[in-house]
Amino acid sequence: MLHMDLLMQSLPIMGNGMLGIFIVTGVIIGVVTLLNKITSGE
């Protein structure tokens, strides 16, 4: 049984979690790219 009111209450929490995952992934990609540019200066 699906309770729509509980689903609507949990959507912002799940959205914040997904946003956090994307931000952390973007930071990791940025750091790896920066390190590759710094260390490949030969």
C-alpha atoms as a PDB file:
ATOM      1  CA  MET A   1       0.000   0.000   0.000  1.00  0.00           C
ATOM      2  CA  LEU A   2       1.409   3.368  -1.060  1.00  0.00           C
ATOM      3  CA  HIS A   3       0.871   6.350   1.222  1.00  0.00           C
ATOM      4  CA  MET A   4       1.123   9.422  -0.982  1.00  0.00           C
ATOM      5  CA  ASP A   5       1.360  11.834   1.938  1.00  0.00           C
ATOM      6  CA  LEU A   6       4.393  10.027   3.360  1.00  0.00           C
ATOM      7  CA  LEU A   7       5.962   9.888  -0.096  1.00  0.00           C
ATOM      8  CA  MET A   8       5.505  13.631  -0.535  1.00  0.00           C
ATOM      9  CA  GLN A   9       7.076  14.255   2.881  1.00  0.00           C
ATOM     10  CA  SER A  10      10.114  12.121   2.056  1.00  0.00           C
ATOM     11  CA  LEU A  11      10.777  13.540  -1.426  1.00  0.00           C
ATOM     12  CA  PRO A  12      12.634  16.682  -0.218  1.00  0.00           C
ATOM     13  CA  ILE A  13      14.852  14.549   2.025  1.00  0.00           C
ATOM     14  CA  MET A  14      15.680  12.201  -0.857  1.00  0.00           C
ATOM     15  CA  GLY A  15      16.267  15.207  -3.112  1.00  0.00           C
ATOM     16  CA  ASN A  16      18.770  16.665  -0.654  1.00  0.00           C
ATOM     17  CA  GLY A  17      20.572  13.335  -0.517  1.00  0.00           C
ATOM     18  CA  MET A  18      20.801  13.104  -4.299  1.00  0.00           C
ATOM     19  CA  LEU A  19      21.996  16.706  -4.508  1.00  0.00           C
ATOM     20  CA  GLY A  20      24.702  15.951  -1.950  1.00  0.00           C
ATOM     21  CA  ILE A  21      25.835  12.901  -3.910  1.00  0.00           C
ATOM     22  CA  PHE A  22      26.099  14.932  -7.127  1.00  0.00           C
ATOM     23  CA  ILE A  23      28.016  17.737  -5.391  1.00  0.00           C
ATOM     24  CA  VAL A  24      30.513  15.324  -3.830  1.00  0.00           C
ATOM     25  CA  THR A  25      30.951  13.516  -7.156  1.00  0.00           C
ATOM     26  CA  GLY A  26      31.561  16.834  -8.912  1.00  0.00           C
ATOM     27  CA  VAL A  27      34.153  17.868  -6.323  1.00  0.00           C
ATOM     28  CA  ILE A  28      35.969  14.535  -6.704  1.00  0.00           C
ATOM     29  CA  ILE A  29      35.994  14.870 -10.511  1.00  0.00           C
ATOM     30  CA  GLY A  30      37.299  18.436 -10.196  1.00  0.00           C
ATOM     31  CA  VAL A  31      40.086  17.442  -7.804  1.00  0.00           C
ATOM     32  CA  VAL A  32      41.175  14.518 -10.006  1.00  0.00           C
ATOM     33  CA  THR A  33      41.179  16.732 -13.102  1.00  0.00           C
ATOM     34  CA  LEU A  34      43.190  19.406 -11.304  1.00  0.00           C
ATOM     35  CA  LEU A  35      45.712  16.868 -10.055  1.00  0.00           C
ATOM     36  CA  ASN A  36      46.090  15.433 -13.560  1.00  0.00           C
ATOM     37  CA  LYS A  37      46.801  18.901 -14.974  1.00  0.00           C
ATOM     38  CA  ILE A  38      49.290  19.699 -12.211  1.00  0.00           C
ATOM     39  CA  THR A  39      51.225  16.441 -12.378  1.00  0.00           C
ATOM     40  CA  SER A  40      51.333  16.043 -16.174  1.00  0.00           C
ATOM     41  CA  GLY A  41      53.503  19.109 -16.727  1.00  0.00           C
ATOM     42  CA  GLU A  42      56.448  17.154 -18.078  1.00  0.00           C
END
